Amino acid sequence: MTRAPAHSPVPIPDATGGLGVGAAVSHPHTGERQPSMIRTAVSTDTAPAALGPYSQAIVAGGFVFCSGTPGIDPATGWLPDGIQAQTEQALRNLEAILTAAGASLSTLVKTTIFYADVEDFPVINEVYARHMPDPAPARSAPANVALPRGLLISIDAIAVIAAP
């Protein structure tokens, strides 16, 4: 790969015409073009199944990218009552997905909390703080989000896969 000057914000294509990670490369034996980054879907029964055409998480490039994880009880399919109970369940579900992917809450680097009512922020913060490592991951928390199926909260996340 040709190196871009340190001040250049524009990547320079490598010899295959790709831009490095994620670019198509030629298979050494067949010459067939294939992506250079492997993406692996994560699925576990210890968290609720995806509510649509998406994966619970994707592992790629040493990271785990978790989809929005709701506070649905995976054993019953029911939503617990109230924001405190749904936040606790969403974090348990997120932890289950991270564990299935080879990561954990302690390897989180970024979360986004989508929640339905801005008035619930203090309760969400209190529950969230009990579950997060020190230092806590970077976080965004957009409020007043219309979530499907009566959800009060959904949390997506990015974590690093722990080195063996």
N, C-alpha and C. Protein backbone atom coordinates (compact mmCIF):
# COMPACT_ATOMS: atom_id res chain seq x y z
N MET A 1 0.85 -1.18 0.00
CA MET A 1 0.00 0.00 0.00
C MET A 1 0.88 1.23 0.00
N THR A 2 0.55 2.20 -0.82
CA THR A 2 1.28 3.45 -0.86
C THR A 2 0.86 4.27 0.33
N ARG A 3 1.81 4.82 1.03
CA ARG A 3 1.49 5.63 2.21
C ARG A 3 1.10 7.04 1.81
N ALA A 4 0.06 7.54 2.44
CA ALA A 4 -0.32 8.93 2.24
C ALA A 4 0.59 9.80 3.09
N PRO A 5 0.89 11.01 2.64
CA PRO A 5 1.66 11.90 3.50
C PRO A 5 0.92 12.08 4.82
N ALA A 6 1.66 12.30 5.91
CA ALA A 6 1.07 12.38 7.24
C ALA A 6 -0.03 13.43 7.32
N HIS A 7 0.06 14.48 6.53
CA HIS A 7 -0.94 15.55 6.57
C HIS A 7 -2.12 15.32 5.63
N SER A 8 -2.10 14.27 4.85
CA SER A 8 -3.13 14.03 3.84
C SER A 8 -4.35 13.35 4.44
N PRO A 9 -5.54 13.94 4.32
CA PRO A 9 -6.76 13.30 4.82
C PRO A 9 -7.34 12.30 3.83
N VAL A 10 -6.78 12.21 2.64
CA VAL A 10 -7.33 11.34 1.60
C VAL A 10 -6.49 10.08 1.48
N PRO A 11 -7.09 8.88 1.65
CA PRO A 11 -6.32 7.66 1.50
C PRO A 11 -5.87 7.47 0.06
N ILE A 12 -4.70 6.90 -0.11
CA ILE A 12 -4.17 6.63 -1.44
C ILE A 12 -4.34 5.14 -1.71
N PRO A 13 -4.89 4.78 -2.87
CA PRO A 13 -5.12 3.36 -3.17
C PRO A 13 -3.82 2.56 -3.17
N ASP A 14 -3.93 1.29 -2.76
CA ASP A 14 -2.77 0.40 -2.81
C ASP A 14 -2.64 -0.18 -4.22
N ALA A 15 -1.69 -1.10 -4.40
CA ALA A 15 -1.40 -1.66 -5.72
C ALA A 15 -2.59 -2.41 -6.33
N THR A 16 -3.52 -2.89 -5.48
CA THR A 16 -4.67 -3.63 -6.01
C THR A 16 -5.83 -2.70 -6.34
N GLY A 17 -5.62 -1.39 -6.10
CA GLY A 17 -6.71 -0.44 -6.34
C GLY A 17 -7.59 -0.28 -5.12
N GLY A 18 -7.27 -1.00 -4.04
CA GLY A 18 -8.06 -0.91 -2.83
C GLY A 18 -7.53 0.15 -1.89
N LEU A 19 -8.21 0.34 -0.80
CA LEU A 19 -7.82 1.34 0.18
C LEU A 19 -7.41 0.68 1.48
N GLY A 20 -6.82 -0.49 1.44
CA GLY A 20 -6.37 -1.15 2.65
C GLY A 20 -7.44 -2.06 3.22
N VAL A 21 -7.64 -2.01 4.55
CA VAL A 21 -8.61 -2.88 5.21
C VAL A 21 -9.98 -2.71 4.58
N GLY A 22 -10.59 -3.81 4.25
CA GLY A 22 -11.91 -3.79 3.64
C GLY A 22 -11.87 -3.74 2.12
N ALA A 23 -10.71 -3.49 1.56
CA ALA A 23 -10.59 -3.44 0.11
C ALA A 23 -10.60 -4.84 -0.46
N ALA A 24 -10.94 -4.95 -1.71
CA ALA A 24 -10.91 -6.26 -2.38
C ALA A 24 -9.47 -6.58 -2.75
N VAL A 25 -9.09 -7.82 -2.54
CA VAL A 25 -7.76 -8.29 -2.91
C VAL A 25 -7.91 -9.56 -3.74
N SER A 26 -6.87 -9.91 -4.45
CA SER A 26 -6.90 -11.12 -5.27
C SER A 26 -6.46 -12.32 -4.45
N HIS A 27 -7.19 -13.42 -4.56
CA HIS A 27 -6.81 -14.67 -3.91
C HIS A 27 -5.49 -15.12 -4.52
N PRO A 28 -4.51 -15.55 -3.68
CA PRO A 28 -3.19 -15.88 -4.20
C PRO A 28 -3.17 -17.05 -5.18
N HIS A 29 -4.13 -17.95 -5.12
CA HIS A 29 -4.13 -19.13 -5.99
C HIS A 29 -5.12 -19.02 -7.15
N THR A 30 -6.30 -18.47 -6.89
CA THR A 30 -7.33 -18.44 -7.93
C THR A 30 -7.39 -17.10 -8.66
N GLY A 31 -6.83 -16.05 -8.06
CA GLY A 31 -6.91 -14.72 -8.65
C GLY A 31 -8.27 -14.06 -8.44
N GLU A 32 -9.21 -14.77 -7.79
CA GLU A 32 -10.54 -14.24 -7.55
C GLU A 32 -10.48 -13.08 -6.56
N ARG A 33 -11.23 -12.00 -6.85
CA ARG A 33 -11.28 -10.84 -5.95
C ARG A 33 -12.16 -11.18 -4.76
N GLN A 34 -11.68 -10.83 -3.57
CA GLN A 34 -12.44 -11.10 -2.34
C GLN A 34 -12.15 -10.02 -1.32
N PRO A 35 -13.07 -9.77 -0.40
CA PRO A 35 -12.82 -8.74 0.61
C PRO A 35 -11.71 -9.19 1.54
N SER A 36 -10.90 -8.23 2.00
CA SER A 36 -9.80 -8.57 2.88
C SER A 36 -10.21 -8.58 4.35
N MET A 37 -11.36 -8.02 4.69
CA MET A 37 -11.81 -8.02 6.08
C MET A 37 -12.90 -9.06 6.27
N ILE A 38 -12.75 -9.88 7.28
CA ILE A 38 -13.75 -10.89 7.58
C ILE A 38 -14.72 -10.32 8.60
N ARG A 39 -16.01 -10.47 8.31
CA ARG A 39 -17.07 -10.07 9.23
C ARG A 39 -17.77 -11.33 9.70
N THR A 40 -17.95 -11.45 11.00
CA THR A 40 -18.60 -12.63 11.56
C THR A 40 -19.81 -12.20 12.39
N ALA A 41 -20.96 -12.78 12.09
CA ALA A 41 -22.17 -12.48 12.85
C ALA A 41 -22.12 -13.17 14.20
N VAL A 42 -22.67 -12.49 15.21
CA VAL A 42 -22.77 -13.03 16.56
C VAL A 42 -24.25 -13.26 16.85
N SER A 43 -24.56 -14.42 17.39
CA SER A 43 -25.93 -14.72 17.76
C SER A 43 -25.91 -15.58 19.02
N THR A 44 -26.72 -15.19 20.00
CA THR A 44 -26.82 -15.96 21.23
C THR A 44 -28.27 -16.01 21.69
N ASP A 45 -28.66 -17.15 22.26
CA ASP A 45 -30.01 -17.30 22.80
C ASP A 45 -30.15 -16.63 24.16
N THR A 46 -29.04 -16.16 24.74
CA THR A 46 -29.09 -15.52 26.06
C THR A 46 -29.39 -14.03 25.95
N ALA A 47 -29.71 -13.57 24.75
CA ALA A 47 -30.18 -12.21 24.51
C ALA A 47 -31.33 -12.31 23.51
N PRO A 48 -32.21 -11.31 23.46
CA PRO A 48 -33.33 -11.40 22.54
C PRO A 48 -32.87 -11.47 21.09
N ALA A 49 -33.60 -12.21 20.29
CA ALA A 49 -33.31 -12.29 18.85
C ALA A 49 -33.50 -10.92 18.23
N ALA A 50 -32.80 -10.67 17.14
CA ALA A 50 -32.95 -9.42 16.40
C ALA A 50 -34.41 -9.25 15.99
N LEU A 51 -34.91 -8.02 16.05
CA LEU A 51 -36.31 -7.74 15.71
C LEU A 51 -36.50 -7.48 14.22
N GLY A 52 -35.45 -7.63 13.43
CA GLY A 52 -35.53 -7.38 12.00
C GLY A 52 -34.36 -8.03 11.28
N PRO A 53 -34.10 -7.59 10.05
CA PRO A 53 -33.04 -8.19 9.24
C PRO A 53 -31.65 -7.63 9.60
N TYR A 54 -31.18 -7.96 10.77
CA TYR A 54 -29.85 -7.54 11.22
C TYR A 54 -29.32 -8.55 12.22
N SER A 55 -28.05 -8.46 12.52
CA SER A 55 -27.40 -9.36 13.48
C SER A 55 -27.40 -8.73 14.87
N GLN A 56 -27.36 -9.56 15.90
CA GLN A 56 -27.20 -9.03 17.25
C GLN A 56 -25.90 -8.24 17.33
N ALA A 57 -24.86 -8.75 16.67
CA ALA A 57 -23.57 -8.06 16.61
C ALA A 57 -22.78 -8.60 15.44
N ILE A 58 -21.77 -7.84 15.05
CA ILE A 58 -20.80 -8.25 14.03
C ILE A 58 -19.41 -8.06 14.62
N VAL A 59 -18.57 -9.08 14.44
CA VAL A 59 -17.16 -8.98 14.83
C VAL A 59 -16.37 -8.70 13.55
N ALA A 60 -15.55 -7.66 13.60
CA ALA A 60 -14.71 -7.31 12.45
C ALA A 60 -13.52 -6.48 12.93
N GLY A 61 -12.36 -6.79 12.42
CA GLY A 61 -11.18 -5.99 12.70
C GLY A 61 -10.83 -5.86 14.17
N GLY A 62 -11.12 -6.89 14.97
CA GLY A 62 -10.79 -6.84 16.40
C GLY A 62 -11.80 -6.11 17.26
N PHE A 63 -12.92 -5.71 16.65
CA PHE A 63 -13.97 -5.01 17.38
C PHE A 63 -15.28 -5.79 17.30
N VAL A 64 -16.17 -5.54 18.25
CA VAL A 64 -17.53 -6.06 18.23
C VAL A 64 -18.45 -4.86 18.08
N PHE A 65 -19.31 -4.90 17.07
CA PHE A 65 -20.27 -3.84 16.81
C PHE A 65 -21.65 -4.40 17.15
N CYS A 66 -22.21 -3.99 18.28
CA CYS A 66 -23.50 -4.51 18.75
C CYS A 66 -24.64 -3.63 18.24
N SER A 67 -25.67 -4.28 17.73
CA SER A 67 -26.88 -3.58 17.32
C SER A 67 -27.58 -3.05 18.56
N GLY A 68 -28.57 -2.20 18.35
CA GLY A 68 -29.37 -1.72 19.46
C GLY A 68 -29.95 -2.90 20.23
N THR A 69 -29.67 -2.95 21.52
CA THR A 69 -30.06 -4.08 22.35
C THR A 69 -31.17 -3.63 23.30
N PRO A 70 -32.37 -4.19 23.14
CA PRO A 70 -33.49 -3.76 23.97
C PRO A 70 -33.53 -4.47 25.32
N GLY A 71 -34.41 -3.98 26.18
CA GLY A 71 -34.58 -4.58 27.50
C GLY A 71 -35.62 -5.68 27.52
N ILE A 72 -35.64 -6.51 26.51
CA ILE A 72 -36.58 -7.64 26.44
C ILE A 72 -35.97 -8.83 27.15
N ASP A 73 -36.76 -9.52 27.96
CA ASP A 73 -36.30 -10.73 28.63
C ASP A 73 -36.19 -11.84 27.59
N PRO A 74 -34.98 -12.37 27.34
CA PRO A 74 -34.84 -13.38 26.28
C PRO A 74 -35.53 -14.70 26.59
N ALA A 75 -35.75 -14.99 27.86
CA ALA A 75 -36.40 -16.26 28.24
C ALA A 75 -37.90 -16.23 27.97
N THR A 76 -38.51 -15.05 28.14
CA THR A 76 -39.97 -14.96 28.01
C THR A 76 -40.43 -14.17 26.79
N GLY A 77 -39.55 -13.29 26.28
CA GLY A 77 -39.93 -12.41 25.19
C GLY A 77 -40.72 -11.19 25.66
N TRP A 78 -40.86 -11.04 26.96
CA TRP A 78 -41.64 -9.93 27.53
C TRP A 78 -40.74 -8.76 27.89
N LEU A 79 -41.35 -7.57 27.87
CA LEU A 79 -40.67 -6.36 28.34
C LEU A 79 -40.95 -6.19 29.83
N PRO A 80 -39.93 -5.98 30.63
CA PRO A 80 -40.18 -5.66 32.03
C PRO A 80 -40.87 -4.30 32.13
N ASP A 81 -41.53 -4.04 33.25
CA ASP A 81 -42.21 -2.76 33.45
C ASP A 81 -41.23 -1.69 33.91
N GLY A 82 -41.26 -0.54 33.27
CA GLY A 82 -40.53 0.63 33.72
C GLY A 82 -39.12 0.73 33.16
N ILE A 83 -38.61 1.95 33.19
CA ILE A 83 -37.30 2.23 32.62
C ILE A 83 -36.16 1.59 33.40
N GLN A 84 -36.26 1.53 34.72
CA GLN A 84 -35.18 0.92 35.50
C GLN A 84 -35.03 -0.56 35.15
N ALA A 85 -36.13 -1.29 35.11
CA ALA A 85 -36.09 -2.72 34.80
C ALA A 85 -35.66 -2.96 33.36
N GLN A 86 -36.13 -2.15 32.41
CA GLN A 86 -35.73 -2.33 31.02
C GLN A 86 -34.25 -1.99 30.81
N THR A 87 -33.74 -0.99 31.54
CA THR A 87 -32.32 -0.64 31.42
C THR A 87 -31.46 -1.77 31.96
N GLU A 88 -31.83 -2.30 33.13
CA GLU A 88 -31.09 -3.44 33.71
C GLU A 88 -31.07 -4.61 32.72
N GLN A 89 -32.23 -4.93 32.13
CA GLN A 89 -32.31 -6.06 31.21
C GLN A 89 -31.53 -5.79 29.93
N ALA A 90 -31.61 -4.56 29.41
CA ALA A 90 -30.85 -4.22 28.20
C ALA A 90 -29.35 -4.39 28.44
N LEU A 91 -28.87 -4.00 29.60
CA LEU A 91 -27.44 -4.15 29.91
C LEU A 91 -27.06 -5.62 30.11
N ARG A 92 -27.94 -6.42 30.70
CA ARG A 92 -27.68 -7.87 30.80
C ARG A 92 -27.63 -8.49 29.41
N ASN A 93 -28.55 -8.07 28.53
CA ASN A 93 -28.57 -8.58 27.16
C ASN A 93 -27.30 -8.17 26.41
N LEU A 94 -26.90 -6.92 26.57
CA LEU A 94 -25.67 -6.44 25.93
C LEU A 94 -24.47 -7.24 26.41
N GLU A 95 -24.41 -7.50 27.70
CA GLU A 95 -23.31 -8.29 28.26
C GLU A 95 -23.30 -9.71 27.68
N ALA A 96 -24.47 -10.30 27.50
CA ALA A 96 -24.55 -11.65 26.92
C ALA A 96 -24.04 -11.67 25.48
N ILE A 97 -24.39 -10.66 24.71
CA ILE A 97 -23.93 -10.57 23.31
C ILE A 97 -22.42 -10.36 23.28
N LEU A 98 -21.92 -9.47 24.11
CA LEU A 98 -20.48 -9.23 24.16
C LEU A 98 -19.73 -10.50 24.55
N THR A 99 -20.23 -11.23 25.53
CA THR A 99 -19.60 -12.48 25.96
C THR A 99 -19.57 -13.48 24.82
N ALA A 100 -20.68 -13.60 24.09
CA ALA A 100 -20.74 -14.53 22.96
C ALA A 100 -19.72 -14.15 21.88
N ALA A 101 -19.37 -12.87 21.81
CA ALA A 101 -18.44 -12.38 20.80
C ALA A 101 -16.98 -12.41 21.28
N GLY A 102 -16.75 -12.75 22.55
CA GLY A 102 -15.39 -12.76 23.07
C GLY A 102 -14.96 -11.44 23.67
N ALA A 103 -15.92 -10.61 24.03
CA ALA A 103 -15.64 -9.31 24.64
C ALA A 103 -16.40 -9.24 25.97
N SER A 104 -16.47 -8.07 26.56
CA SER A 104 -17.20 -7.90 27.82
C SER A 104 -17.52 -6.42 28.02
N LEU A 105 -18.28 -6.13 29.06
CA LEU A 105 -18.56 -4.73 29.38
C LEU A 105 -17.26 -3.98 29.67
N SER A 106 -16.27 -4.67 30.20
CA SER A 106 -15.00 -4.00 30.53
C SER A 106 -14.18 -3.63 29.30
N THR A 107 -14.54 -4.16 28.12
CA THR A 107 -13.81 -3.82 26.90
C THR A 107 -14.61 -2.87 26.00
N LEU A 108 -15.71 -2.32 26.51
CA LEU A 108 -16.50 -1.35 25.76
C LEU A 108 -15.69 -0.08 25.50
N VAL A 109 -15.83 0.46 24.29
CA VAL A 109 -15.19 1.73 23.98
C VAL A 109 -16.22 2.81 23.64
N LYS A 110 -17.45 2.42 23.25
CA LYS A 110 -18.48 3.39 22.87
C LYS A 110 -19.86 2.77 23.02
N THR A 111 -20.77 3.51 23.60
CA THR A 111 -22.17 3.10 23.65
C THR A 111 -23.05 4.25 23.17
N THR A 112 -24.22 3.88 22.68
CA THR A 112 -25.25 4.86 22.38
C THR A 112 -26.53 4.35 23.03
N ILE A 113 -27.12 5.19 23.85
CA ILE A 113 -28.36 4.84 24.54
C ILE A 113 -29.49 5.63 23.88
N PHE A 114 -30.42 4.91 23.29
CA PHE A 114 -31.61 5.53 22.72
C PHE A 114 -32.73 5.31 23.73
N TYR A 115 -33.41 6.38 24.13
CA TYR A 115 -34.47 6.20 25.11
C TYR A 115 -35.65 7.11 24.80
N ALA A 116 -36.82 6.67 25.25
CA ALA A 116 -38.08 7.27 24.83
C ALA A 116 -38.45 8.56 25.55
N ASP A 117 -37.99 8.75 26.79
CA ASP A 117 -38.44 9.90 27.58
C ASP A 117 -37.25 10.56 28.27
N VAL A 118 -36.98 11.82 27.93
CA VAL A 118 -35.84 12.53 28.52
C VAL A 118 -35.93 12.58 30.05
N GLU A 119 -37.10 12.50 30.60
CA GLU A 119 -37.27 12.51 32.06
C GLU A 119 -36.67 11.26 32.72
N ASP A 120 -36.44 10.22 31.94
CA ASP A 120 -35.87 8.97 32.48
C ASP A 120 -34.34 9.01 32.61
N PHE A 121 -33.71 10.09 32.15
CA PHE A 121 -32.25 10.14 32.11
C PHE A 121 -31.58 9.87 33.46
N PRO A 122 -32.04 10.45 34.58
CA PRO A 122 -31.37 10.17 35.87
C PRO A 122 -31.42 8.69 36.26
N VAL A 123 -32.53 8.03 36.00
CA VAL A 123 -32.66 6.60 36.33
C VAL A 123 -31.74 5.77 35.43
N ILE A 124 -31.74 6.07 34.16
CA ILE A 124 -30.87 5.36 33.22
C ILE A 124 -29.42 5.53 33.64
N ASN A 125 -29.02 6.74 33.96
CA ASN A 125 -27.64 7.03 34.36
C ASN A 125 -27.24 6.23 35.59
N GLU A 126 -28.13 6.14 36.57
CA GLU A 126 -27.83 5.42 37.81
C GLU A 126 -27.62 3.94 37.54
N VAL A 127 -28.49 3.33 36.75
CA VAL A 127 -28.36 1.91 36.42
C VAL A 127 -27.11 1.69 35.57
N TYR A 128 -26.92 2.51 34.56
CA TYR A 128 -25.77 2.40 33.65
C TYR A 128 -24.45 2.47 34.42
N ALA A 129 -24.35 3.42 35.34
CA ALA A 129 -23.11 3.62 36.11
C ALA A 129 -22.72 2.37 36.90
N ARG A 130 -23.70 1.62 37.40
CA ARG A 130 -23.42 0.40 38.17
C ARG A 130 -22.82 -0.70 37.31
N HIS A 131 -23.07 -0.68 36.01
CA HIS A 131 -22.63 -1.75 35.11
C HIS A 131 -21.34 -1.43 34.36
N MET A 132 -20.96 -0.16 34.28
CA MET A 132 -19.85 0.24 33.42
C MET A 132 -18.50 0.18 34.14
N PRO A 133 -17.44 -0.11 33.35
CA PRO A 133 -16.09 -0.15 33.92
C PRO A 133 -15.60 1.27 34.20
N ASP A 134 -14.47 1.36 34.87
CA ASP A 134 -13.82 2.64 35.09
C ASP A 134 -12.49 2.61 34.36
N PRO A 135 -12.25 3.46 33.40
CA PRO A 135 -13.13 4.55 32.97
C PRO A 135 -14.29 4.02 32.11
N ALA A 136 -15.39 4.74 32.20
CA ALA A 136 -16.57 4.38 31.41
C ALA A 136 -16.28 4.62 29.94
N PRO A 137 -16.96 3.89 29.04
CA PRO A 137 -16.76 4.12 27.61
C PRO A 137 -17.33 5.48 27.18
N ALA A 138 -16.90 5.93 26.02
CA ALA A 138 -17.53 7.11 25.42
C ALA A 138 -19.01 6.78 25.21
N ARG A 139 -19.86 7.82 25.25
CA ARG A 139 -21.30 7.54 25.17
C ARG A 139 -22.05 8.71 24.54
N SER A 140 -23.08 8.36 23.81
CA SER A 140 -24.08 9.32 23.33
C SER A 140 -25.42 8.84 23.86
N ALA A 141 -26.35 9.78 24.08
CA ALA A 141 -27.64 9.37 24.64
C ALA A 141 -28.77 10.24 24.09
N PRO A 142 -29.15 10.03 22.83
CA PRO A 142 -30.28 10.80 22.30
C PRO A 142 -31.59 10.40 22.98
N ALA A 143 -32.36 11.41 23.35
CA ALA A 143 -33.62 11.19 24.07
C ALA A 143 -34.83 11.41 23.16
N ASN A 144 -35.99 11.04 23.70
CA ASN A 144 -37.27 11.22 23.02
C ASN A 144 -37.28 10.53 21.66
N VAL A 145 -36.72 9.32 21.64
CA VAL A 145 -36.66 8.51 20.43
C VAL A 145 -37.87 7.58 20.40
N ALA A 146 -38.57 7.54 19.29
CA ALA A 146 -39.71 6.63 19.13
C ALA A 146 -39.16 5.24 18.85
N LEU A 147 -39.24 4.35 19.82
CA LEU A 147 -38.74 2.99 19.70
C LEU A 147 -39.90 2.04 19.42
N PRO A 148 -39.65 0.94 18.70
CA PRO A 148 -40.76 0.02 18.36
C PRO A 148 -41.19 -0.84 19.55
N ARG A 149 -42.38 -1.40 19.44
CA ARG A 149 -42.90 -2.44 20.33
C ARG A 149 -42.94 -2.05 21.81
N GLY A 150 -43.10 -0.80 22.11
CA GLY A 150 -43.21 -0.36 23.50
C GLY A 150 -41.89 -0.30 24.24
N LEU A 151 -40.78 -0.39 23.51
CA LEU A 151 -39.47 -0.30 24.16
C LEU A 151 -39.28 1.10 24.74
N LEU A 152 -38.67 1.15 25.92
CA LEU A 152 -38.32 2.42 26.53
C LEU A 152 -36.85 2.76 26.32
N ILE A 153 -36.03 1.74 25.98
CA ILE A 153 -34.60 1.93 25.84
C ILE A 153 -34.02 0.89 24.88
N SER A 154 -32.96 1.28 24.20
CA SER A 154 -32.18 0.38 23.35
C SER A 154 -30.73 0.89 23.40
N ILE A 155 -29.78 -0.01 23.57
CA ILE A 155 -28.38 0.38 23.72
C ILE A 155 -27.55 -0.33 22.66
N ASP A 156 -26.84 0.45 21.84
CA ASP A 156 -25.88 -0.17 20.92
C ASP A 156 -24.48 0.11 21.44
N ALA A 157 -23.51 -0.65 20.97
CA ALA A 157 -22.18 -0.56 21.56
C ALA A 157 -21.10 -1.04 20.60
N ILE A 158 -19.89 -0.57 20.88
CA ILE A 158 -18.69 -1.05 20.22
C ILE A 158 -17.71 -1.44 21.32
N ALA A 159 -17.14 -2.62 21.18
CA ALA A 159 -16.17 -3.13 22.16
C ALA A 159 -14.96 -3.69 21.43
N VAL A 160 -13.86 -3.75 22.15
CA VAL A 160 -12.64 -4.37 21.64
C VAL A 160 -12.66 -5.82 22.10
N ILE A 161 -12.24 -6.72 21.22
CA ILE A 161 -12.13 -8.11 21.63
C ILE A 161 -10.84 -8.25 22.43
N ALA A 162 -10.96 -8.82 23.62
CA ALA A 162 -9.82 -8.98 24.49
C ALA A 162 -8.78 -9.91 23.85
N ALA A 163 -7.51 -9.55 23.97
CA ALA A 163 -6.43 -10.39 23.44
C ALA A 163 -6.36 -11.68 24.23
N PRO A 164 -6.07 -12.80 23.55
CA PRO A 164 -6.00 -14.08 24.26
C PRO A 164 -4.85 -14.15 25.24
